[in-house]
Amino acid sequence: MCEVIETHMSWVFLTERHAFKLKKPVSLPFVDYRTVERRRQSCENELRLGRRLAASVYEAVVPLVASPAGGLAVGGAGEVTDWLVVMRRLPEDRMLPQMLVRGAATR
């Protein structure tokens, strides 16, 4: 089963163990993700910066490919259609909204 979270800049697909972030092809005053190459660069930057703060969470940047059998696949053979940031999914009790409710978030 997969849960989807949508923001103004991305879709995040949550599986039991991972979060896969797909950047939307949008142009906003502060970001331009209209091309696959720009989205790949943004994914690489996010991975690099994310690893500085949470090295055990940010795992990789992988291609989203059109598979030879049809459909889409994460990695593997096929034409690259986009890029994903792969992160380890944190337990729900480690997510900011739950930590704020418990008073467990610190500066």
Protein backbone atom coordinates (compact mmCIF):
# COMPACT_ATOMS: atom_id res chain seq x y z
CA MET A 1 0.00 0.00 0.00
CA CYS A 2 1.20 3.51 -0.78
CA GLU A 3 0.16 6.79 0.80
CA VAL A 4 0.59 9.98 -1.25
CA ILE A 5 1.31 13.43 0.15
CA GLU A 6 1.08 16.36 -2.26
CA THR A 7 2.74 19.74 -1.82
CA HIS A 8 2.94 22.70 -4.17
CA MET A 9 6.33 21.43 -5.44
CA SER A 10 6.23 17.64 -5.19
CA TRP A 11 4.45 14.38 -4.61
CA VAL A 12 5.75 12.10 -1.87
CA PHE A 13 4.89 8.42 -2.12
CA LEU A 14 5.13 6.64 1.22
CA THR A 15 5.63 2.90 1.42
CA GLU A 16 6.16 0.91 4.58
CA ARG A 17 9.91 1.57 4.60
CA HIS A 18 10.59 4.40 2.15
CA ALA A 19 9.50 7.82 0.95
CA PHE A 20 9.93 8.58 -2.75
CA LYS A 21 9.79 12.29 -3.63
CA LEU A 22 8.89 13.27 -7.19
CA LYS A 23 9.29 16.96 -8.03
CA LYS A 24 6.41 18.53 -9.95
CA PRO A 25 7.16 20.14 -13.33
CA VAL A 26 6.29 23.62 -12.06
CA SER A 27 7.64 27.13 -12.38
CA LEU A 28 7.24 29.31 -9.30
CA PRO A 29 8.85 32.64 -8.42
CA PHE A 30 11.53 30.82 -6.40
CA VAL A 31 12.03 27.61 -8.42
CA ASP A 32 11.83 26.35 -12.00
CA TYR A 33 11.32 22.59 -12.34
CA ARG A 34 9.90 22.60 -15.87
CA THR A 35 12.58 20.29 -17.29
CA VAL A 36 13.61 16.79 -16.26
CA GLU A 37 17.21 17.97 -16.01
CA ARG A 38 16.32 20.74 -13.56
CA ARG A 39 14.34 18.28 -11.46
CA ARG A 40 17.32 15.88 -11.47
CA GLN A 41 19.63 18.69 -10.35
CA SER A 42 17.21 19.63 -7.58
CA CYS A 43 17.04 16.01 -6.43
CA GLU A 44 20.85 15.82 -6.33
CA ASN A 45 21.01 19.07 -4.34
CA GLU A 46 18.36 17.86 -1.91
CA LEU A 47 20.24 14.60 -1.38
CA ARG A 48 23.53 16.42 -0.79
CA LEU A 49 22.03 18.91 1.65
CA GLY A 50 19.75 16.38 3.34
CA ARG A 51 22.65 14.06 4.07
CA ARG A 52 24.36 16.87 5.97
CA LEU A 53 21.48 16.95 8.44
CA ALA A 54 20.06 13.43 8.23
CA ALA A 55 22.58 11.10 6.61
CA SER A 56 20.70 7.97 7.63
CA VAL A 57 17.47 9.21 6.04
CA TYR A 58 18.53 10.41 2.58
CA GLU A 59 19.48 7.32 0.57
CA ALA A 60 19.72 8.07 -3.15
CA VAL A 61 18.50 9.76 -6.29
CA VAL A 62 17.08 7.23 -8.73
CA PRO A 63 15.48 7.45 -12.16
CA LEU A 64 11.80 6.90 -12.78
CA VAL A 65 11.80 4.93 -16.02
CA ALA A 66 9.31 3.88 -18.65
CA SER A 67 9.81 0.14 -18.42
CA PRO A 68 10.06 -2.05 -21.54
CA ALA A 69 6.98 -3.96 -20.34
CA GLY A 70 4.98 -0.74 -20.13
CA GLY A 71 4.26 1.42 -17.13
CA LEU A 72 6.74 3.08 -14.84
CA ALA A 73 9.45 1.61 -12.64
CA VAL A 74 11.82 2.94 -10.01
CA GLY A 75 15.26 2.39 -11.49
CA GLY A 76 16.15 -0.35 -13.91
CA ALA A 77 16.14 -0.48 -17.69
CA GLY A 78 14.08 1.91 -19.73
CA GLU A 79 13.79 5.52 -20.77
CA VAL A 80 14.29 7.98 -17.90
CA THR A 81 11.10 10.00 -17.49
CA ASP A 82 11.95 11.75 -14.21
CA TRP A 83 13.97 11.50 -10.99
CA LEU A 84 13.12 10.59 -7.40
CA VAL A 85 14.73 11.31 -4.05
CA VAL A 86 14.63 8.10 -2.01
CA MET A 87 14.48 8.48 1.75
CA ARG A 88 14.08 6.10 4.64
CA ARG A 89 10.60 6.56 6.06
CA LEU A 90 10.62 7.77 9.63
CA PRO A 91 8.26 6.32 12.22
CA GLU A 92 5.07 8.37 12.60
CA ASP A 93 6.02 9.40 16.14
CA ARG A 94 9.19 11.05 14.74
CA MET A 95 7.22 13.30 12.37
CA LEU A 96 7.04 16.98 13.31
CA PRO A 97 3.24 17.25 13.76
CA GLN A 98 3.20 14.40 16.30
CA MET A 99 6.30 15.74 18.06
CA LEU A 100 4.68 19.17 18.38
CA VAL A 101 1.54 17.66 19.90
CA ARG A 102 3.67 15.81 22.48
CA GLY A 103 5.87 18.85 23.14
CA ALA A 104 8.87 16.81 22.01
CA ALA A 105 10.15 19.13 19.27
CA THR A 106 13.19 21.12 20.34
CA ARG A 107 15.31 23.80 18.74
